[in-house]
Amino acid sequence: MVVPLPSMICGNEFMPSRRGNGRVLVYQGYTYANMGYKNRWYCSKKNSGCKARLNVDIQLGEVEAFNEHHHDKPVLYRNGKGELVRLRS
């Protein structure tokens, strides 16, 4: 399903990766990592078997979401700088 791109993707709903090698996208409370494809983002739990992914087209302002996860959403909070941070579990 293709839906209009929420303004949060174009703005500040990225957070630093725990590994320090990039950014993680937050969409509907789940986290996604870009794994080499320009517009394709995979669930951060991909290595645990989750098949959820997003195709993001910023120029058209659309997100195509395959958003069926087999796990709970991560616990996120905003630190004193207003940045999103994931709680370690």
PDB file of N, CA and C in Angstrom:
ATOM      1  N   MET A   1       0.843  -1.176   0.000  1.00  0.00           N
ATOM      2  CA  MET A   1       0.000   0.000   0.000  1.00  0.00           C
ATOM      3  C   MET A   1       0.892   1.244   0.000  1.00  0.00           C
ATOM      4  N   VAL A   2       0.605   2.188  -0.861  1.00  0.00           N
ATOM      5  CA  VAL A   2       1.358   3.437  -0.939  1.00  0.00           C
ATOM      6  C   VAL A   2       0.559   4.512  -0.220  1.00  0.00           C
ATOM      7  N   VAL A   3       1.208   5.208   0.714  1.00  0.00           N
ATOM      8  CA  VAL A   3       0.550   6.260   1.483  1.00  0.00           C
ATOM      9  C   VAL A   3       1.369   7.539   1.374  1.00  0.00           C
ATOM     10  N   PRO A   4       0.731   8.704   1.596  1.00  0.00           N
ATOM     11  CA  PRO A   4       1.501   9.954   1.590  1.00  0.00           C
ATOM     12  C   PRO A   4       2.611   9.905   2.630  1.00  0.00           C
ATOM     13  N   LEU A   5       3.712  10.492   2.298  1.00  0.00           N
ATOM     14  CA  LEU A   5       4.880  10.485   3.168  1.00  0.00           C
ATOM     15  C   LEU A   5       4.634  11.390   4.363  1.00  0.00           C
ATOM     16  N   PRO A   6       4.673  10.841   5.577  1.00  0.00           N
ATOM     17  CA  PRO A   6       4.517  11.694   6.760  1.00  0.00           C
ATOM     18  C   PRO A   6       5.666  12.694   6.845  1.00  0.00           C
ATOM     19  N   SER A   7       5.373  13.869   7.323  1.00  0.00           N
ATOM     20  CA  SER A   7       6.400  14.900   7.411  1.00  0.00           C
ATOM     21  C   SER A   7       7.550  14.475   8.308  1.00  0.00           C
ATOM     22  N   MET A   8       7.296  13.534   9.229  1.00  0.00           N
ATOM     23  CA  MET A   8       8.358  13.129  10.140  1.00  0.00           C
ATOM     24  C   MET A   8       9.517  12.463   9.411  1.00  0.00           C
ATOM     25  N   ILE A   9       9.276  11.823   8.283  1.00  0.00           N
ATOM     26  CA  ILE A   9      10.378  11.177   7.569  1.00  0.00           C
ATOM     27  C   ILE A   9      11.265  12.226   6.923  1.00  0.00           C
ATOM     28  N   CYS A  10      10.676  13.295   6.438  1.00  0.00           N
ATOM     29  CA  CYS A  10      11.467  14.348   5.810  1.00  0.00           C
ATOM     30  C   CYS A  10      12.198  15.189   6.842  1.00  0.00           C
ATOM     31  N   GLY A  11      11.755  15.132   8.084  1.00  0.00           N
ATOM     32  CA  GLY A  11      12.331  15.996   9.097  1.00  0.00           C
ATOM     33  C   GLY A  11      13.229  15.286  10.077  1.00  0.00           C
ATOM     34  N   ASN A  12      12.813  15.228  11.308  1.00  0.00           N
ATOM     35  CA  ASN A  12      13.714  14.857  12.387  1.00  0.00           C
ATOM     36  C   ASN A  12      13.464  13.486  12.994  1.00  0.00           C
ATOM     37  N   GLU A  13      12.838  12.573  12.304  1.00  0.00           N
ATOM     38  CA  GLU A  13      12.593  11.268  12.905  1.00  0.00           C
ATOM     39  C   GLU A  13      13.618  10.227  12.481  1.00  0.00           C
ATOM     40  N   PHE A  14      14.829  10.667  12.388  1.00  0.00           N
ATOM     41  CA  PHE A  14      15.958   9.763  12.231  1.00  0.00           C
ATOM     42  C   PHE A  14      16.699   9.763  13.553  1.00  0.00           C
ATOM     43  N   MET A  15      17.336   8.675  13.871  1.00  0.00           N
ATOM     44  CA  MET A  15      18.154   8.608  15.070  1.00  0.00           C
ATOM     45  C   MET A  15      19.474   7.947  14.715  1.00  0.00           C
ATOM     46  N   PRO A  16      20.523   8.232  15.468  1.00  0.00           N
ATOM     47  CA  PRO A  16      21.811   7.614  15.155  1.00  0.00           C
ATOM     48  C   PRO A  16      21.765   6.110  15.387  1.00  0.00           C
ATOM     49  N   SER A  17      22.496   5.389  14.573  1.00  0.00           N
ATOM     50  CA  SER A  17      22.615   3.952  14.734  1.00  0.00           C
ATOM     51  C   SER A  17      23.437   3.639  15.974  1.00  0.00           C
ATOM     52  N   ARG A  18      23.126   2.549  16.645  1.00  0.00           N
ATOM     53  CA  ARG A  18      23.920   2.132  17.808  1.00  0.00           C
ATOM     54  C   ARG A  18      25.352   1.819  17.411  1.00  0.00           C
ATOM     55  N   ARG A  19      25.519   1.364  16.182  1.00  0.00           N
ATOM     56  CA  ARG A  19      26.851   1.007  15.707  1.00  0.00           C
ATOM     57  C   ARG A  19      27.641   2.223  15.252  1.00  0.00           C
ATOM     58  N   GLY A  20      26.981   3.367  15.168  1.00  0.00           N
ATOM     59  CA  GLY A  20      27.667   4.599  14.815  1.00  0.00           C
ATOM     60  C   GLY A  20      27.995   4.740  13.345  1.00  0.00           C
ATOM     61  N   ASN A  21      27.389   3.894  12.489  1.00  0.00           N
ATOM     62  CA  ASN A  21      27.729   3.931  11.074  1.00  0.00           C
ATOM     63  C   ASN A  21      26.582   4.415  10.198  1.00  0.00           C
ATOM     64  N   GLY A  22      25.690   5.184  10.736  1.00  0.00           N
ATOM     65  CA  GLY A  22      24.598   5.677   9.911  1.00  0.00           C
ATOM     66  C   GLY A  22      23.418   6.130  10.748  1.00  0.00           C
ATOM     67  N   ARG A  23      22.265   6.168  10.085  1.00  0.00           N
ATOM     68  CA  ARG A  23      21.041   6.611  10.739  1.00  0.00           C
ATOM     69  C   ARG A  23      20.003   5.505  10.696  1.00  0.00           C
ATOM     70  N   VAL A  24      19.103   5.560  11.644  1.00  0.00           N
ATOM     71  CA  VAL A  24      17.976   4.648  11.711  1.00  0.00           C
ATOM     72  C   VAL A  24      16.720   5.486  11.524  1.00  0.00           C
ATOM     73  N   LEU A  25      15.812   5.019  10.680  1.00  0.00           N
ATOM     74  CA  LEU A  25      14.558   5.697  10.417  1.00  0.00           C
ATOM     75  C   LEU A  25      13.497   5.158  11.360  1.00  0.00           C
ATOM     76  N   VAL A  26      12.714   6.041  11.959  1.00  0.00           N
ATOM     77  CA  VAL A  26      11.609   5.632  12.821  1.00  0.00           C
ATOM     78  C   VAL A  26      10.311   5.902  12.064  1.00  0.00           C
ATOM     79  N   TYR A  27       9.515   4.854  11.877  1.00  0.00           N
ATOM     80  CA  TYR A  27       8.239   4.964  11.164  1.00  0.00           C
ATOM     81  C   TYR A  27       7.208   4.156  11.929  1.00  0.00           C
ATOM     82  N   GLN A  28       6.158   4.810  12.379  1.00  0.00           N
ATOM     83  CA  GLN A  28       5.068   4.202  13.146  1.00  0.00           C
ATOM     84  C   GLN A  28       5.585   3.422  14.352  1.00  0.00           C
ATOM     85  N   GLY A  29       6.644   3.947  14.978  1.00  0.00           N
ATOM     86  CA  GLY A  29       7.155   3.364  16.201  1.00  0.00           C
ATOM     87  C   GLY A  29       8.170   2.250  16.024  1.00  0.00           C
ATOM     88  N   TYR A  30       8.387   1.794  14.800  1.00  0.00           N
ATOM     89  CA  TYR A  30       9.394   0.767  14.517  1.00  0.00           C
ATOM     90  C   TYR A  30      10.629   1.425  13.912  1.00  0.00           C
ATOM     91  N   THR A  31      11.761   0.771  14.034  1.00  0.00           N
ATOM     92  CA  THR A  31      13.004   1.317  13.506  1.00  0.00           C
ATOM     93  C   THR A  31      13.436   0.540  12.266  1.00  0.00           C
ATOM     94  N   TYR A  32      13.996   1.279  11.302  1.00  0.00           N
ATOM     95  CA  TYR A  32      14.409   0.718  10.022  1.00  0.00           C
ATOM     96  C   TYR A  32      15.820   1.173   9.689  1.00  0.00           C
ATOM     97  N   ALA A  33      16.579   0.289   9.074  1.00  0.00           N
ATOM     98  CA  ALA A  33      17.943   0.600   8.652  1.00  0.00           C
ATOM     99  C   ALA A  33      18.019   0.523   7.131  1.00  0.00           C
ATOM    100  N   ASN A  34      18.824   1.373   6.552  1.00  0.00           N
ATOM    101  CA  ASN A  34      19.072   1.345   5.116  1.00  0.00           C
ATOM    102  C   ASN A  34      20.265   0.432   4.878  1.00  0.00           C
ATOM    103  N   MET A  35      20.058  -0.592   4.073  1.00  0.00           N
ATOM    104  CA  MET A  35      21.105  -1.589   3.878  1.00  0.00           C
ATOM    105  C   MET A  35      21.625  -1.592   2.449  1.00  0.00           C
ATOM    106  N   GLY A  36      21.946  -0.415   1.956  1.00  0.00           N
ATOM    107  CA  GLY A  36      22.577  -0.324   0.650  1.00  0.00           C
ATOM    108  C   GLY A  36      21.684   0.117  -0.489  1.00  0.00           C
ATOM    109  N   TYR A  37      20.370  -0.086  -0.366  1.00  0.00           N
ATOM    110  CA  TYR A  37      19.466   0.380  -1.408  1.00  0.00           C
ATOM    111  C   TYR A  37      19.045   1.800  -1.067  1.00  0.00           C
ATOM    112  N   LYS A  38      19.084   2.671  -2.031  1.00  0.00           N
ATOM    113  CA  LYS A  38      18.868   4.094  -1.799  1.00  0.00           C
ATOM    114  C   LYS A  38      17.536   4.396  -1.098  1.00  0.00           C
ATOM    115  N   ASN A  39      16.445   3.807  -1.573  1.00  0.00           N
ATOM    116  CA  ASN A  39      15.126   4.149  -1.050  1.00  0.00           C
ATOM    117  C   ASN A  39      14.483   3.033  -0.239  1.00  0.00           C
ATOM    118  N   ARG A  40      15.172   1.930  -0.019  1.00  0.00           N
ATOM    119  CA  ARG A  40      14.584   0.798   0.697  1.00  0.00           C
ATOM    120  C   ARG A  40      15.162   0.713   2.103  1.00  0.00           C
ATOM    121  N   TRP A  41      14.267   0.646   3.056  1.00  0.00           N
ATOM    122  CA  TRP A  41      14.633   0.561   4.468  1.00  0.00           C
ATOM    123  C   TRP A  41      14.059  -0.727   5.027  1.00  0.00           C
ATOM    124  N   TYR A  42      14.879  -1.510   5.739  1.00  0.00           N
ATOM    125  CA  TYR A  42      14.469  -2.778   6.313  1.00  0.00           C
ATOM    126  C   TYR A  42      14.322  -2.643   7.817  1.00  0.00           C
ATOM    127  N   CYS A  43      13.405  -3.421   8.388  1.00  0.00           N
ATOM    128  CA  CYS A  43      13.248  -3.423   9.836  1.00  0.00           C
ATOM    129  C   CYS A  43      14.596  -3.708  10.486  1.00  0.00           C
ATOM    130  N   SER A  44      14.873  -3.009  11.563  1.00  0.00           N
ATOM    131  CA  SER A  44      16.139  -3.196  12.278  1.00  0.00           C
ATOM    132  C   SER A  44      16.283  -4.607  12.845  1.00  0.00           C
ATOM    133  N   LYS A  45      15.200  -5.350  12.918  1.00  0.00           N
ATOM    134  CA  LYS A  45      15.239  -6.740  13.394  1.00  0.00           C
ATOM    135  C   LYS A  45      15.276  -7.733  12.217  1.00  0.00           C
ATOM    136  N   LYS A  46      15.694  -7.265  11.061  1.00  0.00           N
ATOM    137  CA  LYS A  46      15.758  -8.124   9.866  1.00  0.00           C
ATOM    138  C   LYS A  46      16.577  -9.378  10.135  1.00  0.00           C
ATOM    139  N   ASN A  47      17.689  -9.251  10.817  1.00  0.00           N
ATOM    140  CA  ASN A  47      18.541 -10.408  11.092  1.00  0.00           C
ATOM    141  C   ASN A  47      17.900 -11.401  12.057  1.00  0.00           C
ATOM    142  N   SER A  48      16.820 -10.979  12.714  1.00  0.00           N
ATOM    143  CA  SER A  48      16.070 -11.880  13.598  1.00  0.00           C
ATOM    144  C   SER A  48      14.877 -12.489  12.873  1.00  0.00           C
ATOM    145  N   GLY A  49      14.757 -12.209  11.576  1.00  0.00           N
ATOM    146  CA  GLY A  49      13.703 -12.813  10.775  1.00  0.00           C
ATOM    147  C   GLY A  49      12.544 -11.914  10.398  1.00  0.00           C
ATOM    148  N   CYS A  50      12.521 -10.674  10.849  1.00  0.00           N
ATOM    149  CA  CYS A  50      11.417  -9.772  10.505  1.00  0.00           C
ATOM    150  C   CYS A  50      11.548  -9.348   9.035  1.00  0.00           C
ATOM    151  N   LYS A  51      10.442  -9.396   8.304  1.00  0.00           N
ATOM    152  CA  LYS A  51      10.476  -9.096   6.874  1.00  0.00           C
ATOM    153  C   LYS A  51       9.872  -7.733   6.529  1.00  0.00           C
ATOM    154  N   ALA A  52       9.555  -6.915   7.533  1.00  0.00           N
ATOM    155  CA  ALA A  52       8.977  -5.600   7.280  1.00  0.00           C
ATOM    156  C   ALA A  52       9.995  -4.704   6.578  1.00  0.00           C
ATOM    157  N   ARG A  53       9.482  -3.870   5.649  1.00  0.00           N
ATOM    158  CA  ARG A  53      10.365  -2.951   4.936  1.00  0.00           C
ATOM    159  C   ARG A  53       9.554  -1.766   4.427  1.00  0.00           C
ATOM    160  N   LEU A  54      10.273  -0.708   4.080  1.00  0.00           N
ATOM    161  CA  LEU A  54       9.665   0.490   3.515  1.00  0.00           C
ATOM    162  C   LEU A  54      10.371   0.842   2.222  1.00  0.00           C
ATOM    163  N   ASN A  55       9.606   1.269   1.235  1.00  0.00           N
ATOM    164  CA  ASN A  55      10.162   1.895   0.050  1.00  0.00           C
ATOM    165  C   ASN A  55       9.776   3.366   0.153  1.00  0.00           C
ATOM    166  N   VAL A  56      10.752   4.232   0.297  1.00  0.00           N
ATOM    167  CA  VAL A  56      10.509   5.654   0.540  1.00  0.00           C
ATOM    168  C   VAL A  56      10.891   6.447  -0.697  1.00  0.00           C
ATOM    169  N   ASP A  57       9.938   7.228  -1.207  1.00  0.00           N
ATOM    170  CA  ASP A  57      10.203   8.111  -2.341  1.00  0.00           C
ATOM    171  C   ASP A  57       9.969   9.541  -1.879  1.00  0.00           C
ATOM    172  N   ILE A  58      11.045  10.196  -1.463  1.00  0.00           N
ATOM    173  CA  ILE A  58      10.931  11.549  -0.918  1.00  0.00           C
ATOM    174  C   ILE A  58      10.487  12.531  -1.991  1.00  0.00           C
ATOM    175  N   GLN A  59      10.943  12.347  -3.235  1.00  0.00           N
ATOM    176  CA  GLN A  59      10.560  13.276  -4.307  1.00  0.00           C
ATOM    177  C   GLN A  59       9.061  13.237  -4.569  1.00  0.00           C
ATOM    178  N   LEU A  60       8.453  12.048  -4.549  1.00  0.00           N
ATOM    179  CA  LEU A  60       7.008  11.926  -4.754  1.00  0.00           C
ATOM    180  C   LEU A  60       6.232  12.095  -3.451  1.00  0.00           C
ATOM    181  N   GLY A  61       6.947  12.035  -2.330  1.00  0.00           N
ATOM    182  CA  GLY A  61       6.297  12.180  -1.040  1.00  0.00           C
ATOM    183  C   GLY A  61       5.463  10.977  -0.650  1.00  0.00           C
ATOM    184  N   GLU A  62       5.951   9.763  -0.953  1.00  0.00           N
ATOM    185  CA  GLU A  62       5.184   8.556  -0.673  1.00  0.00           C
ATOM    186  C   GLU A  62       6.029   7.513   0.059  1.00  0.00           C
ATOM    187  N   VAL A  63       5.330   6.675   0.810  1.00  0.00           N
ATOM    188  CA  VAL A  63       5.942   5.521   1.467  1.00  0.00           C
ATOM    189  C   VAL A  63       5.132   4.299   1.068  1.00  0.00           C
ATOM    190  N   GLU A  64       5.798   3.281   0.570  1.00  0.00           N
ATOM    191  CA  GLU A  64       5.167   1.988   0.339  1.00  0.00           C
ATOM    192  C   GLU A  64       5.619   1.100   1.489  1.00  0.00           C
ATOM    193  N   ALA A  65       4.676   0.706   2.330  1.00  0.00           N
ATOM    194  CA  ALA A  65       5.019  -0.004   3.561  1.00  0.00           C
ATOM    195  C   ALA A  65       4.588  -1.464   3.492  1.00  0.00           C
ATOM    196  N   PHE A  66       5.516  -2.329   3.783  1.00  0.00           N
ATOM    197  CA  PHE A  66       5.260  -3.747   4.015  1.00  0.00           C
ATOM    198  C   PHE A  66       5.563  -3.913   5.509  1.00  0.00           C
ATOM    199  N   ASN A  67       4.578  -3.588   6.325  1.00  0.00           N
ATOM    200  CA  ASN A  67       4.807  -3.244   7.723  1.00  0.00           C
ATOM    201  C   ASN A  67       4.271  -4.294   8.683  1.00  0.00           C
ATOM    202  N   GLU A  68       4.438  -5.586   8.371  1.00  0.00           N
ATOM    203  CA  GLU A  68       4.016  -6.639   9.287  1.00  0.00           C
ATOM    204  C   GLU A  68       5.230  -7.151  10.046  1.00  0.00           C
ATOM    205  N   HIS A  69       5.278  -6.810  11.320  1.00  0.00           N
ATOM    206  CA  HIS A  69       6.405  -7.179  12.175  1.00  0.00           C
ATOM    207  C   HIS A  69       6.028  -8.396  13.006  1.00  0.00           C
ATOM    208  N   HIS A  70       7.003  -9.174  13.411  1.00  0.00           N
ATOM    209  CA  HIS A  70       6.767 -10.332  14.265  1.00  0.00           C
ATOM    210  C   HIS A  70       7.286 -10.088  15.684  1.00  0.00           C
ATOM    211  N   HIS A  71       7.433  -8.830  16.055  1.00  0.00           N
ATOM    212  CA  HIS A  71       8.001  -8.463  17.355  1.00  0.00           C
ATOM    213  C   HIS A  71       7.361  -7.160  17.824  1.00  0.00           C
ATOM    214  N   ASP A  72       7.588  -6.826  19.080  1.00  0.00           N
ATOM    215  CA  ASP A  72       7.071  -5.577  19.642  1.00  0.00           C
ATOM    216  C   ASP A  72       7.892  -4.390  19.149  1.00  0.00           C
ATOM    217  N   LYS A  73       7.290  -3.204  19.267  1.00  0.00           N
ATOM    218  CA  LYS A  73       8.018  -1.981  18.938  1.00  0.00           C
ATOM    219  C   LYS A  73       9.133  -1.751  19.955  1.00  0.00           C
ATOM    220  N   PRO A  74      10.248  -1.166  19.520  1.00  0.00           N
ATOM    221  CA  PRO A  74      11.303  -0.841  20.481  1.00  0.00           C
ATOM    222  C   PRO A  74      10.856   0.299  21.396  1.00  0.00           C
ATOM    223  N   VAL A  75      11.475   0.374  22.551  1.00  0.00           N
ATOM    224  CA  VAL A  75      11.172   1.455  23.489  1.00  0.00           C
ATOM    225  C   VAL A  75      12.077   2.635  23.142  1.00  0.00           C
ATOM    226  N   LEU A  76      11.468   3.752  22.729  1.00  0.00           N
ATOM    227  CA  LEU A  76      12.208   4.950  22.329  1.00  0.00           C
ATOM    228  C   LEU A  76      11.853   6.092  23.266  1.00  0.00           C
ATOM    229  N   TYR A  77      12.800   6.986  23.450  1.00  0.00           N
ATOM    230  CA  TYR A  77      12.527   8.194  24.222  1.00  0.00           C
ATOM    231  C   TYR A  77      13.365   9.331  23.670  1.00  0.00           C
ATOM    232  N   ARG A  78      13.043  10.534  24.074  1.00  0.00           N
ATOM    233  CA  ARG A  78      13.811  11.709  23.656  1.00  0.00           C
ATOM    234  C   ARG A  78      14.748  12.108  24.783  1.00  0.00           C
ATOM    235  N   ASN A  79      16.013  12.318  24.442  1.00  0.00           N
ATOM    236  CA  ASN A  79      16.981  12.743  25.447  1.00  0.00           C
ATOM    237  C   ASN A  79      16.872  14.252  25.664  1.00  0.00           C
ATOM    238  N   GLY A  80      17.737  14.815  26.462  1.00  0.00           N
ATOM    239  CA  GLY A  80      17.703  16.245  26.776  1.00  0.00           C
ATOM    240  C   GLY A  80      17.889  17.143  25.577  1.00  0.00           C
ATOM    241  N   LYS A  81      18.515  16.634  24.515  1.00  0.00           N
ATOM    242  CA  LYS A  81      18.705  17.406  23.275  1.00  0.00           C
ATOM    243  C   LYS A  81      17.527  17.270  22.331  1.00  0.00           C
ATOM    244  N   GLY A  82      16.535  16.468  22.694  1.00  0.00           N
ATOM    245  CA  GLY A  82      15.380  16.252  21.839  1.00  0.00           C
ATOM    246  C   GLY A  82      15.580  15.161  20.799  1.00  0.00           C
ATOM    247  N   GLU A  83      16.697  14.435  20.888  1.00  0.00           N
ATOM    248  CA  GLU A  83      16.994  13.370  19.932  1.00  0.00           C
ATOM    249  C   GLU A  83      16.326  12.071  20.367  1.00  0.00           C
ATOM    250  N   LEU A  84      15.877  11.278  19.398  1.00  0.00           N
ATOM    251  CA  LEU A  84      15.338   9.963  19.707  1.00  0.00           C
ATOM    252  C   LEU A  84      16.468   9.015  20.066  1.00  0.00           C
ATOM    253  N   VAL A  85      16.233   8.222  21.113  1.00  0.00           N
ATOM    254  CA  VAL A  85      17.221   7.243  21.569  1.00  0.00           C
ATOM    255  C   VAL A  85      16.462   5.964  21.903  1.00  0.00           C
ATOM    256  N   ARG A  86      17.044   4.835  21.568  1.00  0.00           N
ATOM    257  CA  ARG A  86      16.437   3.539  21.871  1.00  0.00           C
ATOM    258  C   ARG A  86      16.971   3.046  23.217  1.00  0.00           C
ATOM    259  N   LEU A  87      16.064   2.592  24.068  1.00  0.00           N
ATOM    260  CA  LEU A  87      16.488   1.996  25.334  1.00  0.00           C
ATOM    261  C   LEU A  87      17.092   0.631  25.054  1.00  0.00           C
ATOM    262  N   ARG A  88      18.156   0.338  25.713  1.00  0.00           N
ATOM    263  CA  ARG A  88      18.770  -0.995  25.553  1.00  0.00           C
ATOM    264  C   ARG A  88      17.917  -2.012  26.277  1.00  0.00           C
ATOM    265  N   SER A  89      17.785  -3.165  25.628  1.00  0.00           N
ATOM    266  CA  SER A  89      16.963  -4.219  26.251  1.00  0.00           C
ATOM    267  C   SER A  89      17.802  -5.423  26.593  1.00  0.00           C
TER     268      SER A  89
END
